């Protein structure tokens, strides 16, 4: 605007572009162009016979697909070398998603829709499974990290655990004026704090069985019958227990989401290497036995 030659960095628009929208869907557009071109060539090309992996077009599509698979495998290496610039991690991940998805079309056209009980179909089936598992990964990495960040209020897991330990120290100190039976309840809540929920245990179920949550409910009920001298210390202890219970809920949600991401990697990565092995067997069998 006239008369305002300086703009503060806080006045600039903040971009929250995800890897799916990277560079205005650059790699989605590229993959769609590749798919469209492949489909057109498939239907207009003269291969001299029925379409299959052994025609000239089959070899072309197969070579492109194989090179893409090998290139996509390098994402794991790229993650360990995060650098700015043209090939930043967000761009590489975006390309991984869209170009990897295009293999569903490219590799299918390569087969000419001919399948059987052989290593070639095995390689194709593994590729489909890897891509489908990748779709779950898209959801996890597009949604879960943001959910994790919001859940823990932008604190790290270490911060959450440190806060729980701090509350345990507060409980120990606040429980000193209480009767021994109440102190025993507080000590049990501290001693039996279980942070990691079971993989198949609902978070709500873990909260109900949580020693801290149970202690908070019991001591809150005890406040109704406690004498005046015990009521105020009980109120203080119950307030800390409830704060700790809420913090444990955040921590359990965070750990559950983190575990889901790790489990997906334990499934997707080994399958990718199995695909690479099957692809090599497919290529070797084609060139040496056909």
Protein backbone atom coordinates (compact mmCIF):
# COMPACT_ATOMS: atom_id res chain seq x y z
CA UNK A 1 0.00 0.00 0.00
CA UNK A 2 1.20 3.59 -0.59
CA UNK A 3 2.98 5.06 2.40
CA UNK A 4 3.74 1.62 3.84
CA UNK A 5 7.02 0.37 2.44
CA UNK A 6 7.78 -2.09 5.22
CA UNK A 7 5.88 -5.20 6.10
CA UNK A 8 6.45 -7.15 9.27
CA UNK A 9 6.91 -10.91 9.05
CA UNK A 10 3.83 -11.30 11.25
CA UNK A 11 1.76 -9.56 8.54
CA UNK A 12 2.64 -12.19 5.95
CA UNK A 13 0.20 -15.01 5.27
CA UNK A 14 1.13 -18.26 7.01
CA UNK A 15 1.17 -21.34 4.80
CA UNK A 16 0.18 -24.70 6.23
CA UNK A 17 0.53 -26.58 2.96
CA UNK A 18 0.65 -30.33 3.49
CA UNK A 19 2.55 -32.88 1.43
CA UNK A 20 -0.60 -33.78 -0.53
CA UNK A 21 -1.09 -30.17 -1.68
CA UNK A 22 2.63 -29.52 -2.26
CA UNK A 23 3.24 -26.93 -5.00
CA UNK A 24 -0.46 -26.80 -5.88
CA UNK A 25 -0.71 -30.56 -6.41
CA UNK A 26 2.28 -30.62 -8.79
CA UNK A 27 2.84 -34.38 -8.52
CA UNK A 28 -0.85 -35.24 -8.70
CA UNK A 29 -0.99 -33.38 -12.02
CA UNK A 30 2.19 -35.11 -13.22
CA UNK A 31 0.88 -38.55 -12.30
CA UNK A 32 -2.44 -37.86 -14.04
CA UNK A 33 -0.57 -36.86 -17.21
CA UNK A 34 1.48 -40.07 -17.06
CA UNK A 35 -1.63 -42.18 -16.50
CA UNK A 36 -3.57 -40.49 -19.32
CA UNK A 37 -0.67 -40.83 -21.75
CA UNK A 38 -0.22 -44.51 -20.85
CA UNK A 39 -3.91 -45.31 -21.32
CA UNK A 40 -4.02 -43.54 -24.69
CA UNK A 41 -0.91 -45.33 -25.94
CA UNK A 42 -2.24 -48.65 -24.65
CA UNK A 43 -5.42 -48.38 -26.74
CA UNK A 44 -3.90 -46.92 -29.90
CA UNK A 45 -0.57 -48.80 -30.04
CA UNK A 46 -0.12 -51.64 -32.50
CA UNK A 47 1.56 -54.41 -30.54
CA UNK A 48 0.89 -57.09 -33.16
CA UNK A 49 -0.81 -59.35 -30.67
CA UNK A 50 -2.80 -59.34 -27.50
CA UNK A 51 -1.43 -56.91 -24.93
CA UNK A 52 0.93 -58.53 -22.44
CA UNK A 53 4.20 -57.87 -20.67
CA UNK A 54 6.19 -59.35 -23.56
CA UNK A 55 5.21 -56.79 -26.21
CA UNK A 56 7.26 -53.68 -26.90
CA UNK A 57 4.70 -51.59 -25.01
CA UNK A 58 4.71 -54.10 -22.18
CA UNK A 59 8.48 -53.74 -21.91
CA UNK A 60 8.24 -49.94 -21.93
CA UNK A 61 5.54 -49.82 -19.26
CA UNK A 62 7.32 -52.51 -17.25
CA UNK A 63 10.62 -50.63 -17.34
CA UNK A 64 8.96 -47.40 -16.25
CA UNK A 65 7.13 -49.22 -13.45
CA UNK A 66 10.28 -51.00 -12.24
CA UNK A 67 12.30 -47.78 -12.20
CA UNK A 68 9.51 -46.03 -10.32
CA UNK A 69 9.41 -48.78 -7.67
CA UNK A 70 13.17 -48.58 -7.13
CA UNK A 71 13.03 -44.78 -6.96
CA UNK A 72 10.15 -44.88 -4.47
CA UNK A 73 12.18 -47.15 -2.20
CA UNK A 74 14.64 -44.30 -1.70
CA UNK A 75 12.14 -42.27 0.35
CA UNK A 76 13.39 -43.96 3.53
CA UNK A 77 16.94 -42.84 2.74
CA UNK A 78 15.70 -39.35 1.85
CA UNK A 79 14.02 -39.01 5.25
CA UNK A 80 17.40 -39.26 6.91
CA UNK A 81 18.81 -36.42 4.81
CA UNK A 82 16.27 -33.65 5.27
CA UNK A 83 17.51 -30.63 3.34
CA UNK A 84 15.85 -27.51 1.94
CA UNK A 85 15.67 -26.80 -1.75
CA UNK A 86 14.13 -28.43 -4.76
CA UNK A 87 14.05 -31.93 -3.33
CA UNK A 88 12.84 -31.17 0.17
CA UNK A 89 11.19 -33.94 2.15
CA UNK A 90 7.67 -32.61 1.66
CA UNK A 91 8.10 -32.58 -2.12
CA UNK A 92 9.67 -36.04 -2.12
CA UNK A 93 6.80 -37.43 -0.03
CA UNK A 94 4.24 -35.83 -2.32
CA UNK A 95 5.91 -37.38 -5.36
CA UNK A 96 6.09 -40.71 -3.52
CA UNK A 97 2.35 -40.71 -2.91
CA UNK A 98 1.12 -39.67 -6.35
CA UNK A 99 3.68 -41.39 -8.56
CA UNK A 100 3.39 -44.50 -6.41
CA UNK A 101 -0.37 -44.49 -6.90
CA UNK A 102 0.08 -44.20 -10.67
CA UNK A 103 1.71 -47.64 -10.60
CA UNK A 104 -1.73 -49.16 -10.16
CA UNK A 105 -2.47 -48.12 -13.75
CA UNK A 106 1.01 -48.44 -15.28
CA UNK A 107 1.72 -51.91 -13.93
CA UNK A 108 -1.78 -53.16 -14.76
CA UNK A 109 -1.39 -52.00 -18.37
CA UNK A 110 2.05 -53.66 -18.39
CA UNK A 111 0.43 -57.02 -17.55
CA UNK A 112 -2.16 -56.65 -20.30
CA UNK A 113 -4.65 -57.93 -17.69
CA UNK A 114 -3.05 -61.39 -17.85
CA UNK A 115 -2.51 -63.04 -14.50
CA UNK A 116 -1.60 -66.50 -13.29
CA UNK A 117 0.02 -68.50 -10.51
CA UNK A 118 3.57 -67.33 -11.13
CA UNK A 119 6.23 -64.93 -9.88
CA UNK A 120 5.00 -62.19 -12.24
CA UNK A 121 1.54 -62.09 -10.67
CA UNK A 122 3.14 -62.36 -7.22
CA UNK A 123 5.14 -59.20 -7.90
CA UNK A 124 2.00 -57.44 -9.13
CA UNK A 125 -0.03 -58.57 -6.10
CA UNK A 126 2.67 -57.39 -3.68
CA UNK A 127 2.77 -54.05 -5.46
CA UNK A 128 -1.00 -53.62 -5.04
CA UNK A 129 -0.79 -54.54 -1.34
CA UNK A 130 2.06 -52.07 -0.78
CA UNK A 131 0.14 -49.28 -2.52
CA UNK A 132 -3.06 -50.00 -0.58
CA UNK A 133 -1.09 -50.01 2.68
CA UNK A 134 0.37 -46.71 1.49
CA UNK A 135 -3.14 -45.26 1.34
CA UNK A 136 -3.49 -46.01 5.05
CA UNK A 137 -0.12 -44.32 5.53
CA UNK A 138 -1.42 -41.22 3.75
CA UNK A 139 -4.23 -41.01 6.29
CA UNK A 140 -1.92 -41.58 9.26
CA UNK A 141 0.67 -39.02 8.17
CA UNK A 142 -1.87 -36.45 7.00
CA UNK A 143 -4.16 -36.66 10.04
CA UNK A 144 -2.51 -38.38 13.01
CA UNK A 145 0.54 -36.10 13.51
CA UNK A 146 -1.71 -33.03 13.58
CA UNK A 147 -4.03 -34.81 15.99
CA UNK A 148 -1.04 -35.77 18.13
CA UNK A 149 0.19 -32.18 18.22
CA UNK A 150 -3.24 -30.81 19.16
CA UNK A 151 -3.74 -33.51 21.80
CA UNK A 152 -0.49 -32.83 23.63
CA UNK A 153 -0.97 -29.03 23.31
CA UNK A 154 2.25 -28.74 21.27
CA UNK A 155 4.34 -30.30 24.04
CA UNK A 156 6.75 -33.16 23.49
CA UNK A 157 6.27 -36.63 24.94
CA UNK A 158 9.15 -35.89 27.34
CA UNK A 159 7.32 -32.76 28.52
CA UNK A 160 4.20 -34.82 29.22
CA UNK A 161 6.12 -37.44 31.20
CA UNK A 162 8.00 -34.77 33.15
CA UNK A 163 4.68 -33.11 34.02
CA UNK A 164 3.30 -36.44 35.30
CA UNK A 165 6.36 -36.90 37.52
CA UNK A 166 5.94 -33.34 38.82
CA UNK A 167 2.31 -34.06 39.72
CA UNK A 168 3.39 -37.22 41.55
CA UNK A 169 5.74 -35.10 43.66
CA UNK A 170 2.90 -32.65 44.35
CA UNK A 171 0.68 -35.55 45.41
CA UNK A 172 3.30 -36.88 47.82
CA UNK A 173 3.59 -33.50 49.48
CA UNK A 174 -0.13 -32.68 49.47
CA UNK A 175 -1.05 -36.07 51.00
CA UNK A 176 1.05 -35.58 54.13
CA UNK A 177 -1.76 -34.02 56.25
CA UNK A 178 -4.21 -36.83 55.34
CA UNK A 179 -5.20 -39.85 57.38
CA UNK A 180 -3.11 -42.98 56.70
CA UNK A 181 -5.96 -44.65 54.78
CA UNK A 182 -6.08 -41.72 52.35
CA UNK A 183 -2.29 -41.58 52.08
CA UNK A 184 -2.34 -45.27 51.15
CA UNK A 185 -4.78 -44.49 48.33
CA UNK A 186 -2.55 -41.70 47.00
CA UNK A 187 0.57 -43.87 47.15
CA UNK A 188 -1.25 -46.60 45.22
CA UNK A 189 -2.19 -44.07 42.53
CA UNK A 190 1.45 -43.02 42.23
CA UNK A 191 2.89 -46.52 42.34
CA UNK A 192 0.45 -48.09 39.89
CA UNK A 193 0.52 -45.36 37.27
CA UNK A 194 0.41 -47.18 33.93
CA UNK A 195 1.03 -44.81 31.06
CA UNK A 196 1.11 -47.07 28.01
CA UNK A 197 -2.31 -48.49 27.12
CA UNK A 198 -2.55 -51.96 25.65
CA UNK A 199 -2.67 -51.95 21.86
CA UNK A 200 -6.19 -53.41 21.77
CA UNK A 201 -7.43 -51.64 24.91
CA UNK A 202 -9.65 -48.61 24.21
CA UNK A 203 -8.31 -45.38 25.68
CA UNK A 204 -11.59 -44.92 27.54
CA UNK A 205 -11.16 -48.38 29.07
CA UNK A 206 -7.60 -47.60 30.13
CA UNK A 207 -8.84 -44.41 31.81
CA UNK A 208 -11.54 -46.27 33.75
CA UNK A 209 -9.02 -48.82 35.01
CA UNK A 210 -6.41 -46.14 35.76
CA UNK A 211 -5.30 -46.14 39.42
CA UNK A 212 -5.17 -42.33 39.40
CA UNK A 213 -8.74 -41.99 38.09
CA UNK A 214 -10.02 -44.52 40.63
CA UNK A 215 -8.22 -42.75 43.48
CA UNK A 216 -9.69 -39.38 42.44
CA UNK A 217 -13.22 -40.82 42.49
CA UNK A 218 -12.77 -42.58 45.82
CA UNK A 219 -11.27 -39.56 47.58
CA UNK A 220 -13.94 -37.26 46.13
CA UNK A 221 -16.59 -39.52 47.66
CA UNK A 222 -14.62 -39.54 50.91
CA UNK A 223 -14.87 -35.73 51.04
CA UNK A 224 -18.62 -36.07 51.75
CA UNK A 225 -18.05 -37.90 55.03
CA UNK A 226 -14.66 -36.46 56.05
CA UNK A 227 -14.45 -34.06 58.97
CA UNK A 228 -13.68 -30.39 58.42
CA UNK A 229 -9.95 -30.77 59.08
CA UNK A 230 -9.61 -33.42 56.34
CA UNK A 231 -11.86 -31.84 53.72
CA UNK A 232 -9.51 -29.09 52.55
CA UNK A 233 -6.43 -31.36 52.19
CA UNK A 234 -8.64 -33.89 50.38
CA UNK A 235 -9.83 -31.17 47.99
CA UNK A 236 -6.22 -30.30 47.19
CA UNK A 237 -5.25 -33.93 46.59
CA UNK A 238 -8.34 -34.67 44.48
CA UNK A 239 -7.66 -31.61 42.31
CA UNK A 240 -4.10 -32.83 41.66
CA UNK A 241 -5.32 -36.38 40.94
CA UNK A 242 -7.84 -35.08 38.42
CA UNK A 243 -5.19 -32.94 36.73
CA UNK A 244 -2.94 -35.99 36.55
CA UNK A 245 -5.79 -38.13 35.16
CA UNK A 246 -6.41 -35.58 32.39
CA UNK A 247 -2.69 -35.47 31.62
CA UNK A 248 -2.53 -39.27 31.51
CA UNK A 249 -5.39 -39.24 29.01
CA UNK A 250 -3.42 -36.90 26.73
CA UNK A 251 -0.29 -39.00 27.11
CA UNK A 252 -2.07 -42.27 26.38
CA UNK A 253 -3.67 -40.83 23.26
CA UNK A 254 -0.28 -39.58 22.10
CA UNK A 255 1.41 -42.95 22.67
CA UNK A 256 -1.44 -44.80 20.95
CA UNK A 257 -1.21 -42.60 17.84
CA UNK A 258 2.58 -42.88 17.81
CA UNK A 259 2.30 -46.67 18.06
CA UNK A 260 -0.12 -46.78 15.12
CA UNK A 261 2.38 -44.85 12.98
CA UNK A 262 5.17 -47.24 13.95
CA UNK A 263 3.03 -50.32 13.29
CA UNK A 264 2.19 -49.03 9.84
CA UNK A 265 5.90 -48.64 9.07
CA UNK A 266 6.59 -52.17 10.36
CA UNK A 267 4.00 -53.40 7.87
CA UNK A 268 4.67 -51.15 4.88
CA UNK A 269 8.47 -51.23 4.80
CA UNK A 270 8.98 -55.04 4.92
CA UNK A 271 6.29 -55.45 2.28
CA UNK A 272 8.15 -52.95 0.11
CA UNK A 273 11.34 -55.00 0.34
CA UNK A 274 9.37 -58.17 -0.44
CA UNK A 275 8.03 -56.37 -3.52
CA UNK A 276 11.57 -55.41 -4.54
CA UNK A 277 12.70 -59.04 -4.23
CA UNK A 278 9.72 -60.28 -6.24
CA UNK A 279 10.36 -57.59 -8.86
CA UNK A 280 13.97 -58.76 -9.25
CA UNK A 281 12.78 -62.35 -9.60
CA UNK A 282 10.26 -61.22 -12.20
CA UNK A 283 12.89 -59.35 -14.23
CA UNK A 284 15.43 -62.18 -14.04
CA UNK A 285 12.89 -64.79 -15.09
CA UNK A 286 11.80 -62.65 -18.06
CA UNK A 287 15.31 -62.03 -19.42
CA UNK A 288 16.82 -65.45 -18.71
CA UNK A 289 13.95 -67.89 -19.13
CA UNK A 290 11.70 -66.31 -21.77
